């Protein structure tokens, strides 16, 4: 069997969402290629990083790094600011297909092949490979998000310490920082999912971990201290609420109510769970199947010829296939 290579383009903090898919590809004999070397496909999770020169090397597949309405607004940036379009969309659920592919012609996505495959990052929540961490109860998981506006506030120790003081005495509080922080990147998916499965309530702001909690029917408290003036809207205008809404002043009361009445917002959790994730579990296998079928179809249609010139130039220059996996990277 001919060895196949994949490459990852996007920011390191988003790689966590891709790792289960990469592990599945490696199990099938794939290898990871370094930048500037031969690859059969490249993966991205942010639209704005898809540069035209990347497509000289291989087709590009897009998989969102999180589950929230903002993630299907990102592809509006395809083709903007010098970026170009991906060749394959790997979608977690029907909401993505309805809004991104069928309902948003301005995104140019209806022309791009797409497959609804589930979401590999959530596989361990359903396949039994991750068990809830054992700790004293109740367990309160605080997982703030990050963006350009709240990095200096939400991600800092003073903010976290405020939450700790407010919730003192209610239970065991575990803080899971956003993957933008290297410490969280080193911890990986498994540790977060262990706490997510054990949590009695999850506190977040606009992070898609609220959706991840809804996938396994965990009560959620949204702490929108910085975003309450936005009307709880993302870029596409859809409301993203899966549970209680709180400010720092009402946080303790909201957490107490979520602990006492965990089913209060189960209808919201069910709405987002059913729409965001069409296939609970086995997303890595489905995504890998979709990638391999996509590449087989391209070969059958002779659409891979556009990459032949660049690969030939690499070989003629005597440049080896740069294999990250063989180097232990």
C-alpha atoms as a PDB file:
ATOM      1  CA  UNK A   1       0.000   0.000   0.000  1.00  0.00           C
ATOM      2  CA  UNK A   2       1.333   3.414  -0.947  1.00  0.00           C
ATOM      3  CA  UNK A   3       2.151   5.538   2.078  1.00  0.00           C
ATOM      4  CA  UNK A   4      -0.042   8.626   2.417  1.00  0.00           C
ATOM      5  CA  UNK A   5       0.818  11.918   4.078  1.00  0.00           C
ATOM      6  CA  UNK A   6      -1.251  14.584   5.801  1.00  0.00           C
ATOM      7  CA  UNK A   7      -0.259  18.038   7.001  1.00  0.00           C
ATOM      8  CA  UNK A   8      -1.761  20.400   9.576  1.00  0.00           C
ATOM      9  CA  UNK A   9      -1.799  24.105   8.750  1.00  0.00           C
ATOM     10  CA  UNK A  10      -3.727  25.946  11.464  1.00  0.00           C
ATOM     11  CA  UNK A  11      -2.682  27.321  14.869  1.00  0.00           C
ATOM     12  CA  UNK A  12      -1.309  24.868  17.472  1.00  0.00           C
ATOM     13  CA  UNK A  13      -4.078  25.672  19.957  1.00  0.00           C
ATOM     14  CA  UNK A  14      -6.664  24.310  17.500  1.00  0.00           C
ATOM     15  CA  UNK A  15      -4.774  21.088  16.933  1.00  0.00           C
ATOM     16  CA  UNK A  16      -6.424  19.468  19.960  1.00  0.00           C
ATOM     17  CA  UNK A  17      -9.670  19.205  18.024  1.00  0.00           C
ATOM     18  CA  UNK A  18      -7.885  17.408  15.168  1.00  0.00           C
ATOM     19  CA  UNK A  19      -5.784  14.914  17.125  1.00  0.00           C
ATOM     20  CA  UNK A  20      -8.378  12.085  17.224  1.00  0.00           C
ATOM     21  CA  UNK A  21      -8.641  12.261  13.422  1.00  0.00           C
ATOM     22  CA  UNK A  22      -4.867  12.300  13.066  1.00  0.00           C
ATOM     23  CA  UNK A  23      -4.607   9.262  15.355  1.00  0.00           C
ATOM     24  CA  UNK A  24      -7.133   7.425  13.175  1.00  0.00           C
ATOM     25  CA  UNK A  25      -5.182   8.282  10.015  1.00  0.00           C
ATOM     26  CA  UNK A  26      -1.935   7.046  11.599  1.00  0.00           C
ATOM     27  CA  UNK A  27      -3.659   3.796  12.531  1.00  0.00           C
ATOM     28  CA  UNK A  28      -4.437   3.396   8.831  1.00  0.00           C
ATOM     29  CA  UNK A  29      -0.794   3.858   7.863  1.00  0.00           C
ATOM     30  CA  UNK A  30      -0.738   7.589   7.178  1.00  0.00           C
ATOM     31  CA  UNK A  31       2.225   9.752   8.188  1.00  0.00           C
ATOM     32  CA  UNK A  32       2.380  13.423   9.088  1.00  0.00           C
ATOM     33  CA  UNK A  33       4.448  15.579   6.733  1.00  0.00           C
ATOM     34  CA  UNK A  34       6.329  18.742   7.648  1.00  0.00           C
ATOM     35  CA  UNK A  35       5.631  22.098   6.035  1.00  0.00           C
ATOM     36  CA  UNK A  36       6.844  22.472   2.458  1.00  0.00           C
ATOM     37  CA  UNK A  37       6.999  18.730   1.782  1.00  0.00           C
ATOM     38  CA  UNK A  38       4.840  16.249  -0.068  1.00  0.00           C
ATOM     39  CA  UNK A  39       1.413  15.594   1.398  1.00  0.00           C
ATOM     40  CA  UNK A  40      -1.792  14.065   0.049  1.00  0.00           C
ATOM     41  CA  UNK A  41      -4.070  16.396   1.999  1.00  0.00           C
ATOM     42  CA  UNK A  42      -3.773  19.318   4.418  1.00  0.00           C
ATOM     43  CA  UNK A  43      -6.154  20.065   7.288  1.00  0.00           C
ATOM     44  CA  UNK A  44      -7.232  23.480   8.544  1.00  0.00           C
ATOM     45  CA  UNK A  45      -9.724  24.659  11.166  1.00  0.00           C
ATOM     46  CA  UNK A  46      -9.635  28.414  10.461  1.00  0.00           C
ATOM     47  CA  UNK A  47     -10.768  29.819   7.133  1.00  0.00           C
ATOM     48  CA  UNK A  48      -8.463  32.796   7.100  1.00  0.00           C
ATOM     49  CA  UNK A  49      -5.272  30.716   6.990  1.00  0.00           C
ATOM     50  CA  UNK A  50      -6.050  28.969   3.700  1.00  0.00           C
ATOM     51  CA  UNK A  51      -3.501  30.631   1.470  1.00  0.00           C
ATOM     52  CA  UNK A  52      -3.555  30.009  -2.293  1.00  0.00           C
ATOM     53  CA  UNK A  53       0.018  28.696  -2.267  1.00  0.00           C
ATOM     54  CA  UNK A  54      -0.991  25.813   0.000  1.00  0.00           C
ATOM     55  CA  UNK A  55      -3.178  24.425  -2.764  1.00  0.00           C
ATOM     56  CA  UNK A  56      -0.134  24.043  -4.980  1.00  0.00           C
ATOM     57  CA  UNK A  57       0.821  21.142  -2.724  1.00  0.00           C
ATOM     58  CA  UNK A  58      -2.394  19.300  -1.955  1.00  0.00           C
ATOM     59  CA  UNK A  59      -6.155  19.623  -1.523  1.00  0.00           C
ATOM     60  CA  UNK A  60      -7.319  21.169   1.755  1.00  0.00           C
ATOM     61  CA  UNK A  61      -9.960  19.842   4.179  1.00  0.00           C
ATOM     62  CA  UNK A  62     -11.684  22.061   6.763  1.00  0.00           C
ATOM     63  CA  UNK A  63     -12.905  20.764  10.141  1.00  0.00           C
ATOM     64  CA  UNK A  64     -14.163  23.229  12.803  1.00  0.00           C
ATOM     65  CA  UNK A  65     -12.101  23.391  15.980  1.00  0.00           C
ATOM     66  CA  UNK A  66     -15.159  23.974  18.162  1.00  0.00           C
ATOM     67  CA  UNK A  67     -18.916  23.552  18.299  1.00  0.00           C
ATOM     68  CA  UNK A  68     -20.683  26.913  18.348  1.00  0.00           C
ATOM     69  CA  UNK A  69     -22.599  29.113  15.886  1.00  0.00           C
ATOM     70  CA  UNK A  70     -19.466  31.214  15.465  1.00  0.00           C
ATOM     71  CA  UNK A  71     -17.757  28.251  13.812  1.00  0.00           C
ATOM     72  CA  UNK A  72     -20.150  28.185  10.891  1.00  0.00           C
ATOM     73  CA  UNK A  73     -19.747  31.939  10.527  1.00  0.00           C
ATOM     74  CA  UNK A  74     -15.981  31.500  10.037  1.00  0.00           C
ATOM     75  CA  UNK A  75     -16.339  30.196   6.470  1.00  0.00           C
ATOM     76  CA  UNK A  76     -17.705  33.597   5.490  1.00  0.00           C
ATOM     77  CA  UNK A  77     -14.020  34.455   5.549  1.00  0.00           C
ATOM     78  CA  UNK A  78     -13.189  31.874   2.886  1.00  0.00           C
ATOM     79  CA  UNK A  79     -11.708  33.745  -0.036  1.00  0.00           C
ATOM     80  CA  UNK A  80     -11.305  36.958   2.009  1.00  0.00           C
ATOM     81  CA  UNK A  81      -8.059  38.812   2.641  1.00  0.00           C
ATOM     82  CA  UNK A  82      -6.076  36.729   0.177  1.00  0.00           C
ATOM     83  CA  UNK A  83      -7.378  33.416   1.523  1.00  0.00           C
ATOM     84  CA  UNK A  84      -8.861  30.801  -0.756  1.00  0.00           C
ATOM     85  CA  UNK A  85     -11.491  28.053  -0.524  1.00  0.00           C
ATOM     86  CA  UNK A  86     -10.983  24.574   0.920  1.00  0.00           C
ATOM     87  CA  UNK A  87     -11.621  21.500  -1.196  1.00  0.00           C
ATOM     88  CA  UNK A  88     -13.569  19.455   1.370  1.00  0.00           C
ATOM     89  CA  UNK A  89     -15.795  20.396   4.337  1.00  0.00           C
ATOM     90  CA  UNK A  90     -15.980  17.947   7.245  1.00  0.00           C
ATOM     91  CA  UNK A  91     -19.091  18.941   9.193  1.00  0.00           C
ATOM     92  CA  UNK A  92     -20.148  17.859  12.725  1.00  0.00           C
ATOM     93  CA  UNK A  93     -23.928  17.980  12.286  1.00  0.00           C
ATOM     94  CA  UNK A  94     -27.002  19.026  10.357  1.00  0.00           C
ATOM     95  CA  UNK A  95     -26.922  22.650  11.591  1.00  0.00           C
ATOM     96  CA  UNK A  96     -23.653  23.056   9.705  1.00  0.00           C
ATOM     97  CA  UNK A  97     -25.118  21.553   6.553  1.00  0.00           C
ATOM     98  CA  UNK A  98     -28.284  23.659   6.787  1.00  0.00           C
ATOM     99  CA  UNK A  99     -26.627  26.993   7.505  1.00  0.00           C
ATOM    100  CA  UNK A 100     -23.200  26.654   5.975  1.00  0.00           C
ATOM    101  CA  UNK A 101     -23.898  24.667   2.829  1.00  0.00           C
ATOM    102  CA  UNK A 102     -27.586  24.943   1.934  1.00  0.00           C
ATOM    103  CA  UNK A 103     -28.580  28.243   3.507  1.00  0.00           C
ATOM    104  CA  UNK A 104     -25.585  30.505   2.935  1.00  0.00           C
ATOM    105  CA  UNK A 105     -24.792  30.792  -0.748  1.00  0.00           C
ATOM    106  CA  UNK A 106     -22.764  33.912  -0.027  1.00  0.00           C
ATOM    107  CA  UNK A 107     -20.222  31.706   1.740  1.00  0.00           C
ATOM    108  CA  UNK A 108     -19.527  29.962  -1.584  1.00  0.00           C
ATOM    109  CA  UNK A 109     -19.764  26.653   0.263  1.00  0.00           C
ATOM    110  CA  UNK A 110     -22.490  24.939  -1.806  1.00  0.00           C
ATOM    111  CA  UNK A 111     -19.832  24.375  -4.477  1.00  0.00           C
ATOM    112  CA  UNK A 112     -17.491  22.601  -2.052  1.00  0.00           C
ATOM    113  CA  UNK A 113     -17.841  18.843  -1.415  1.00  0.00           C
ATOM    114  CA  UNK A 114     -19.037  18.273   2.150  1.00  0.00           C
ATOM    115  CA  UNK A 115     -19.634  15.321   4.452  1.00  0.00           C
ATOM    116  CA  UNK A 116     -21.458  15.272   7.787  1.00  0.00           C
ATOM    117  CA  UNK A 117     -19.167  13.072   9.870  1.00  0.00           C
ATOM    118  CA  UNK A 118     -19.628  14.047  13.526  1.00  0.00           C
ATOM    119  CA  UNK A 119     -16.872  15.661  15.565  1.00  0.00           C
ATOM    120  CA  UNK A 120     -13.730  13.620  16.369  1.00  0.00           C
ATOM    121  CA  UNK A 121     -12.875  15.674  19.473  1.00  0.00           C
ATOM    122  CA  UNK A 122     -16.052  14.475  21.189  1.00  0.00           C
ATOM    123  CA  UNK A 123     -15.587  10.767  20.398  1.00  0.00           C
ATOM    124  CA  UNK A 124     -14.157   9.902  23.809  1.00  0.00           C
ATOM    125  CA  UNK A 125     -17.293  11.257  25.481  1.00  0.00           C
ATOM    126  CA  UNK A 126     -19.256   8.404  23.911  1.00  0.00           C
ATOM    127  CA  UNK A 127     -16.952   5.451  23.202  1.00  0.00           C
ATOM    128  CA  UNK A 128     -16.067   4.513  26.786  1.00  0.00           C
ATOM    129  CA  UNK A 129     -12.371   5.344  26.399  1.00  0.00           C
ATOM    130  CA  UNK A 130     -12.609   8.225  28.892  1.00  0.00           C
ATOM    131  CA  UNK A 131     -13.947   7.757  32.403  1.00  0.00           C
ATOM    132  CA  UNK A 132     -15.120  10.537  34.741  1.00  0.00           C
ATOM    133  CA  UNK A 133     -12.432  11.703  37.138  1.00  0.00           C
ATOM    134  CA  UNK A 134     -13.046  10.694  40.737  1.00  0.00           C
ATOM    135  CA  UNK A 135     -13.368  13.697  43.013  1.00  0.00           C
ATOM    136  CA  UNK A 136     -15.515  15.098  45.789  1.00  0.00           C
ATOM    137  CA  UNK A 137     -18.943  16.333  44.737  1.00  0.00           C
ATOM    138  CA  UNK A 138     -20.447  18.470  43.501  1.00  0.00           C
ATOM    139  CA  UNK A 139     -17.851  19.154  40.784  1.00  0.00           C
ATOM    140  CA  UNK A 140     -18.021  22.578  39.122  1.00  0.00           C
ATOM    141  CA  UNK A 141     -16.017  22.946  35.892  1.00  0.00           C
ATOM    142  CA  UNK A 142     -15.077  26.502  34.881  1.00  0.00           C
ATOM    143  CA  UNK A 143     -13.902  26.687  31.248  1.00  0.00           C
ATOM    144  CA  UNK A 144     -13.596  30.263  29.901  1.00  0.00           C
ATOM    145  CA  UNK A 145     -13.099  31.009  26.225  1.00  0.00           C
ATOM    146  CA  UNK A 146     -10.656  33.310  24.502  1.00  0.00           C
ATOM    147  CA  UNK A 147     -10.634  35.890  21.760  1.00  0.00           C
ATOM    148  CA  UNK A 148      -8.912  39.169  21.017  1.00  0.00           C
ATOM    149  CA  UNK A 149     -11.235  41.043  23.348  1.00  0.00           C
ATOM    150  CA  UNK A 150     -11.112  38.942  26.488  1.00  0.00           C
ATOM    151  CA  UNK A 151      -7.623  37.414  26.565  1.00  0.00           C
ATOM    152  CA  UNK A 152      -6.411  40.030  29.030  1.00  0.00           C
ATOM    153  CA  UNK A 153      -9.453  39.645  31.272  1.00  0.00           C
ATOM    154  CA  UNK A 154     -11.004  36.188  31.199  1.00  0.00           C
ATOM    155  CA  UNK A 155      -7.731  34.325  30.927  1.00  0.00           C
ATOM    156  CA  UNK A 156      -5.973  36.011  33.825  1.00  0.00           C
ATOM    157  CA  UNK A 157      -5.629  34.805  37.405  1.00  0.00           C
ATOM    158  CA  UNK A 158      -7.535  37.748  38.985  1.00  0.00           C
ATOM    159  CA  UNK A 159     -10.670  36.870  37.005  1.00  0.00           C
ATOM    160  CA  UNK A 160     -10.399  33.196  37.906  1.00  0.00           C
ATOM    161  CA  UNK A 161      -9.804  34.090  41.530  1.00  0.00           C
ATOM    162  CA  UNK A 162     -13.012  36.144  41.501  1.00  0.00           C
ATOM    163  CA  UNK A 163     -14.953  33.096  40.369  1.00  0.00           C
ATOM    164  CA  UNK A 164     -13.267  30.997  43.056  1.00  0.00           C
ATOM    165  CA  UNK A 165     -14.233  33.471  45.773  1.00  0.00           C
ATOM    166  CA  UNK A 166     -17.829  33.694  44.574  1.00  0.00           C
ATOM    167  CA  UNK A 167     -18.277  29.922  44.501  1.00  0.00           C
ATOM    168  CA  UNK A 168     -16.390  29.120  47.699  1.00  0.00           C
ATOM    169  CA  UNK A 169     -18.139  26.394  49.662  1.00  0.00           C
ATOM    170  CA  UNK A 170     -20.387  25.181  46.841  1.00  0.00           C
ATOM    171  CA  UNK A 171     -18.200  22.247  45.792  1.00  0.00           C
ATOM    172  CA  UNK A 172     -14.971  21.322  44.036  1.00  0.00           C
ATOM    173  CA  UNK A 173     -14.048  23.930  41.424  1.00  0.00           C
ATOM    174  CA  UNK A 174     -11.836  22.856  38.498  1.00  0.00           C
ATOM    175  CA  UNK A 175     -10.521  25.513  36.090  1.00  0.00           C
ATOM    176  CA  UNK A 176      -9.820  24.452  32.489  1.00  0.00           C
ATOM    177  CA  UNK A 177      -8.081  27.242  30.577  1.00  0.00           C
ATOM    178  CA  UNK A 178      -8.546  27.766  26.848  1.00  0.00           C
ATOM    179  CA  UNK A 179      -6.124  25.873  24.523  1.00  0.00           C
ATOM    180  CA  UNK A 180      -4.457  29.204  23.680  1.00  0.00           C
ATOM    181  CA  UNK A 181      -2.419  28.517  26.816  1.00  0.00           C
ATOM    182  CA  UNK A 182       0.426  26.033  26.317  1.00  0.00           C
ATOM    183  CA  UNK A 183      -0.297  24.277  29.601  1.00  0.00           C
ATOM    184  CA  UNK A 184      -3.757  23.316  28.370  1.00  0.00           C
ATOM    185  CA  UNK A 185      -2.320  22.146  25.031  1.00  0.00           C
ATOM    186  CA  UNK A 186      -0.034  19.758  26.903  1.00  0.00           C
ATOM    187  CA  UNK A 187      -2.937  18.386  28.948  1.00  0.00           C
ATOM    188  CA  UNK A 188      -4.761  17.287  25.818  1.00  0.00           C
ATOM    189  CA  UNK A 189      -8.364  16.283  25.237  1.00  0.00           C
ATOM    190  CA  UNK A 190      -8.568  13.307  27.581  1.00  0.00           C
ATOM    191  CA  UNK A 191      -8.073  15.260  30.792  1.00  0.00           C
ATOM    192  CA  UNK A 192     -10.684  17.868  29.899  1.00  0.00           C
ATOM    193  CA  UNK A 193     -13.213  15.208  28.933  1.00  0.00           C
ATOM    194  CA  UNK A 194     -12.598  13.355  32.207  1.00  0.00           C
ATOM    195  CA  UNK A 195     -13.645  16.471  34.122  1.00  0.00           C
ATOM    196  CA  UNK A 196     -16.452  17.279  31.686  1.00  0.00           C
ATOM    197  CA  UNK A 197     -17.975  13.836  32.187  1.00  0.00           C
ATOM    198  CA  UNK A 198     -17.695  14.150  35.961  1.00  0.00           C
ATOM    199  CA  UNK A 199     -18.981  17.725  36.191  1.00  0.00           C
ATOM    200  CA  UNK A 200     -22.258  18.482  37.914  1.00  0.00           C
ATOM    201  CA  UNK A 201     -22.360  21.908  36.286  1.00  0.00           C
ATOM    202  CA  UNK A 202     -20.200  23.624  33.644  1.00  0.00           C
ATOM    203  CA  UNK A 203     -19.497  27.373  33.712  1.00  0.00           C
ATOM    204  CA  UNK A 204     -18.337  29.104  30.543  1.00  0.00           C
ATOM    205  CA  UNK A 205     -18.879  32.345  28.661  1.00  0.00           C
ATOM    206  CA  UNK A 206     -19.195  32.014  24.873  1.00  0.00           C
ATOM    207  CA  UNK A 207     -16.949  28.971  24.570  1.00  0.00           C
ATOM    208  CA  UNK A 208     -18.251  26.027  22.595  1.00  0.00           C
ATOM    209  CA  UNK A 209     -17.544  23.853  25.620  1.00  0.00           C
ATOM    210  CA  UNK A 210     -21.108  24.830  26.493  1.00  0.00           C
ATOM    211  CA  UNK A 211     -22.211  22.787  23.480  1.00  0.00           C
ATOM    212  CA  UNK A 212     -19.844  19.959  24.459  1.00  0.00           C
ATOM    213  CA  UNK A 213     -21.477  19.879  27.896  1.00  0.00           C
ATOM    214  CA  UNK A 214     -24.904  19.789  26.247  1.00  0.00           C
ATOM    215  CA  UNK A 215     -23.817  16.753  24.210  1.00  0.00           C
ATOM    216  CA  UNK A 216     -23.760  14.725  27.436  1.00  0.00           C
ATOM    217  CA  UNK A 217     -26.634  16.633  29.078  1.00  0.00           C
ATOM    218  CA  UNK A 218     -24.620  18.597  31.635  1.00  0.00           C
ATOM    219  CA  UNK A 219     -26.183  21.770  33.140  1.00  0.00           C
ATOM    220  CA  UNK A 220     -24.465  24.922  31.867  1.00  0.00           C
ATOM    221  CA  UNK A 221     -24.130  28.425  33.316  1.00  0.00           C
ATOM    222  CA  UNK A 222     -23.066  31.122  30.830  1.00  0.00           C
ATOM    223  CA  UNK A 223     -20.943  33.813  32.452  1.00  0.00           C
ATOM    224  CA  UNK A 224     -21.280  36.651  29.956  1.00  0.00           C
ATOM    225  CA  UNK A 225     -19.771  39.384  32.072  1.00  0.00           C
ATOM    226  CA  UNK A 226     -18.122  40.997  29.071  1.00  0.00           C
ATOM    227  CA  UNK A 227     -20.694  40.081  26.443  1.00  0.00           C
ATOM    228  CA  UNK A 228     -24.081  40.725  28.003  1.00  0.00           C
ATOM    229  CA  UNK A 229     -24.478  43.932  25.961  1.00  0.00           C
ATOM    230  CA  UNK A 230     -24.252  41.958  22.698  1.00  0.00           C
ATOM    231  CA  UNK A 231     -27.659  40.382  23.060  1.00  0.00           C
ATOM    232  CA  UNK A 232     -26.075  36.935  23.175  1.00  0.00           C
ATOM    233  CA  UNK A 233     -25.577  36.931  19.416  1.00  0.00           C
ATOM    234  CA  UNK A 234     -22.822  35.483  17.279  1.00  0.00           C
ATOM    235  CA  UNK A 235     -21.845  36.785  13.881  1.00  0.00           C
ATOM    236  CA  UNK A 236     -24.624  34.975  12.063  1.00  0.00           C
ATOM    237  CA  UNK A 237     -27.223  36.370  14.472  1.00  0.00           C
ATOM    238  CA  UNK A 238     -28.190  33.049  16.088  1.00  0.00           C
ATOM    239  CA  UNK A 239     -28.695  32.969  19.845  1.00  0.00           C
ATOM    240  CA  UNK A 240     -26.323  30.570  21.589  1.00  0.00           C
ATOM    241  CA  UNK A 241     -27.701  29.662  25.017  1.00  0.00           C
ATOM    242  CA  UNK A 242     -27.796  26.177  26.528  1.00  0.00           C
ATOM    243  CA  UNK A 243     -28.502  27.041  30.155  1.00  0.00           C
ATOM    244  CA  UNK A 244     -28.516  29.688  32.858  1.00  0.00           C
ATOM    245  CA  UNK A 245     -27.299  33.214  32.056  1.00  0.00           C
ATOM    246  CA  UNK A 246     -25.285  34.986  34.742  1.00  0.00           C
ATOM    247  CA  UNK A 247     -23.028  37.889  35.585  1.00  0.00           C
ATOM    248  CA  UNK A 248     -20.496  37.774  38.392  1.00  0.00           C
ATOM    249  CA  UNK A 249     -23.171  39.230  40.682  1.00  0.00           C
ATOM    250  CA  UNK A 250     -25.630  36.409  39.961  1.00  0.00           C
ATOM    251  CA  UNK A 251     -23.158  33.576  39.372  1.00  0.00           C
ATOM    252  CA  UNK A 252     -23.445  31.891  42.775  1.00  0.00           C
ATOM    253  CA  UNK A 253     -27.243  31.898  42.649  1.00  0.00           C
ATOM    254  CA  UNK A 254     -27.254  30.486  39.099  1.00  0.00           C
ATOM    255  CA  UNK A 255     -24.821  27.697  39.978  1.00  0.00           C
ATOM    256  CA  UNK A 256     -26.865  26.770  43.035  1.00  0.00           C
ATOM    257  CA  UNK A 257     -30.019  26.580  40.909  1.00  0.00           C
ATOM    258  CA  UNK A 258     -28.261  24.496  38.233  1.00  0.00           C
ATOM    259  CA  UNK A 259     -27.109  22.036  40.908  1.00  0.00           C
ATOM    260  CA  UNK A 260     -30.570  21.860  42.500  1.00  0.00           C
ATOM    261  CA  UNK A 261     -32.506  21.724  39.209  1.00  0.00           C
ATOM    262  CA  UNK A 262     -30.276  20.073  36.582  1.00  0.00           C
ATOM    263  CA  UNK A 263     -33.151  19.455  34.149  1.00  0.00           C
ATOM    264  CA  UNK A 264     -34.356  23.085  34.057  1.00  0.00           C
ATOM    265  CA  UNK A 265     -32.864  23.821  30.618  1.00  0.00           C
ATOM    266  CA  UNK A 266     -32.753  20.301  29.208  1.00  0.00           C
ATOM    267  CA  UNK A 267     -34.843  21.419  26.192  1.00  0.00           C
ATOM    268  CA  UNK A 268     -32.108  23.893  25.217  1.00  0.00           C
ATOM    269  CA  UNK A 269     -29.418  21.278  25.600  1.00  0.00           C
ATOM    270  CA  UNK A 270     -31.427  18.830  23.493  1.00  0.00           C
ATOM    271  CA  UNK A 271     -31.924  21.410  20.709  1.00  0.00           C
ATOM    272  CA  UNK A 272     -28.210  22.100  20.354  1.00  0.00           C
ATOM    273  CA  UNK A 273     -27.196  18.479  20.918  1.00  0.00           C
ATOM    274  CA  UNK A 274     -29.409  17.159  18.136  1.00  0.00           C
ATOM    275  CA  UNK A 275     -28.482  19.887  15.677  1.00  0.00           C
ATOM    276  CA  UNK A 276     -24.767  20.270  16.296  1.00  0.00           C
ATOM    277  CA  UNK A 277     -23.747  16.605  16.366  1.00  0.00           C
ATOM    278  CA  UNK A 278     -25.437  14.204  13.963  1.00  0.00           C
ATOM    279  CA  UNK A 279     -23.354  11.213  15.037  1.00  0.00           C
ATOM    280  CA  UNK A 280     -22.381  10.873  18.720  1.00  0.00           C
ATOM    281  CA  UNK A 281     -19.030   9.089  18.679  1.00  0.00           C
ATOM    282  CA  UNK A 282     -16.965   7.494  15.897  1.00  0.00           C
ATOM    283  CA  UNK A 283     -16.354  10.872  14.267  1.00  0.00           C
ATOM    284  CA  UNK A 284     -12.658  10.191  13.644  1.00  0.00           C
ATOM    285  CA  UNK A 285     -13.464   7.044  11.650  1.00  0.00           C
ATOM    286  CA  UNK A 286     -16.154   8.795   9.609  1.00  0.00           C
ATOM    287  CA  UNK A 287     -13.887  11.759   8.918  1.00  0.00           C
ATOM    288  CA  UNK A 288     -11.015   9.503   7.849  1.00  0.00           C
ATOM    289  CA  UNK A 289     -13.378   7.510   5.601  1.00  0.00           C
ATOM    290  CA  UNK A 290     -14.590  10.757   4.034  1.00  0.00           C
ATOM    291  CA  UNK A 291     -11.039  11.976   3.401  1.00  0.00           C
ATOM    292  CA  UNK A 292      -9.950   8.714   1.782  1.00  0.00           C
ATOM    293  CA  UNK A 293     -13.105   8.520  -0.351  1.00  0.00           C
ATOM    294  CA  UNK A 294     -12.585  12.136  -1.418  1.00  0.00           C
ATOM    295  CA  UNK A 295      -8.996  11.428  -2.487  1.00  0.00           C
ATOM    296  CA  UNK A 296     -10.022   8.241  -4.308  1.00  0.00           C
ATOM    297  CA  UNK A 297     -12.644  10.207  -6.237  1.00  0.00           C
ATOM    298  CA  UNK A 298     -10.070  12.825  -7.224  1.00  0.00           C
ATOM    299  CA  UNK A 299      -7.721  10.167  -8.520  1.00  0.00           C
ATOM    300  CA  UNK A 300     -10.531   8.532 -10.487  1.00  0.00           C
ATOM    301  CA  UNK A 301     -11.357  11.911 -12.061  1.00  0.00           C
ATOM    302  CA  UNK A 302      -7.675  12.777 -12.661  1.00  0.00           C
ATOM    303  CA  UNK A 303      -8.129  15.898 -10.546  1.00  0.00           C
ATOM    304  CA  UNK A 304      -4.895  15.270  -8.701  1.00  0.00           C
ATOM    305  CA  UNK A 305      -2.742  16.265 -11.670  1.00  0.00           C
ATOM    306  CA  UNK A 306      -2.596  19.900 -10.575  1.00  0.00           C
ATOM    307  CA  UNK A 307      -0.387  18.878  -7.667  1.00  0.00           C
ATOM    308  CA  UNK A 308       1.964  16.750  -9.713  1.00  0.00           C
ATOM    309  CA  UNK A 309       4.176  19.619 -10.897  1.00  0.00           C
ATOM    310  CA  UNK A 310       4.961  20.842  -7.380  1.00  0.00           C
ATOM    311  CA  UNK A 311       5.707  17.327  -6.088  1.00  0.00           C
ATOM    312  CA  UNK A 312       7.915  16.644  -9.122  1.00  0.00           C
ATOM    313  CA  UNK A 313       9.896  19.816  -8.397  1.00  0.00           C
ATOM    314  CA  UNK A 314      10.527  18.617  -4.839  1.00  0.00           C
ATOM    315  CA  UNK A 315      11.801  15.247  -5.984  1.00  0.00           C
ATOM    316  CA  UNK A 316      13.961  16.753  -8.732  1.00  0.00           C
ATOM    317  CA  UNK A 317      15.614  19.008  -6.146  1.00  0.00           C
ATOM    318  CA  UNK A 318      16.549  15.916  -4.169  1.00  0.00           C
ATOM    319  CA  UNK A 319      14.410  16.935  -1.238  1.00  0.00           C
ATOM    320  CA  UNK A 320      13.286  13.951   0.887  1.00  0.00           C
ATOM    321  CA  UNK A 321       9.778  13.265   2.110  1.00  0.00           C
ATOM    322  CA  UNK A 322       9.942  15.051   5.437  1.00  0.00           C
ATOM    323  CA  UNK A 323       8.126  12.744   7.844  1.00  0.00           C
ATOM    324  CA  UNK A 324       7.321  14.287  11.227  1.00  0.00           C
ATOM    325  CA  UNK A 325       6.160  10.978  12.689  1.00  0.00           C
ATOM    326  CA  UNK A 326       9.461   9.232  11.977  1.00  0.00           C
ATOM    327  CA  UNK A 327      11.265  12.048  13.790  1.00  0.00           C
ATOM    328  CA  UNK A 328       9.106  11.641  16.866  1.00  0.00           C
ATOM    329  CA  UNK A 329       7.646  15.147  16.469  1.00  0.00           C
END
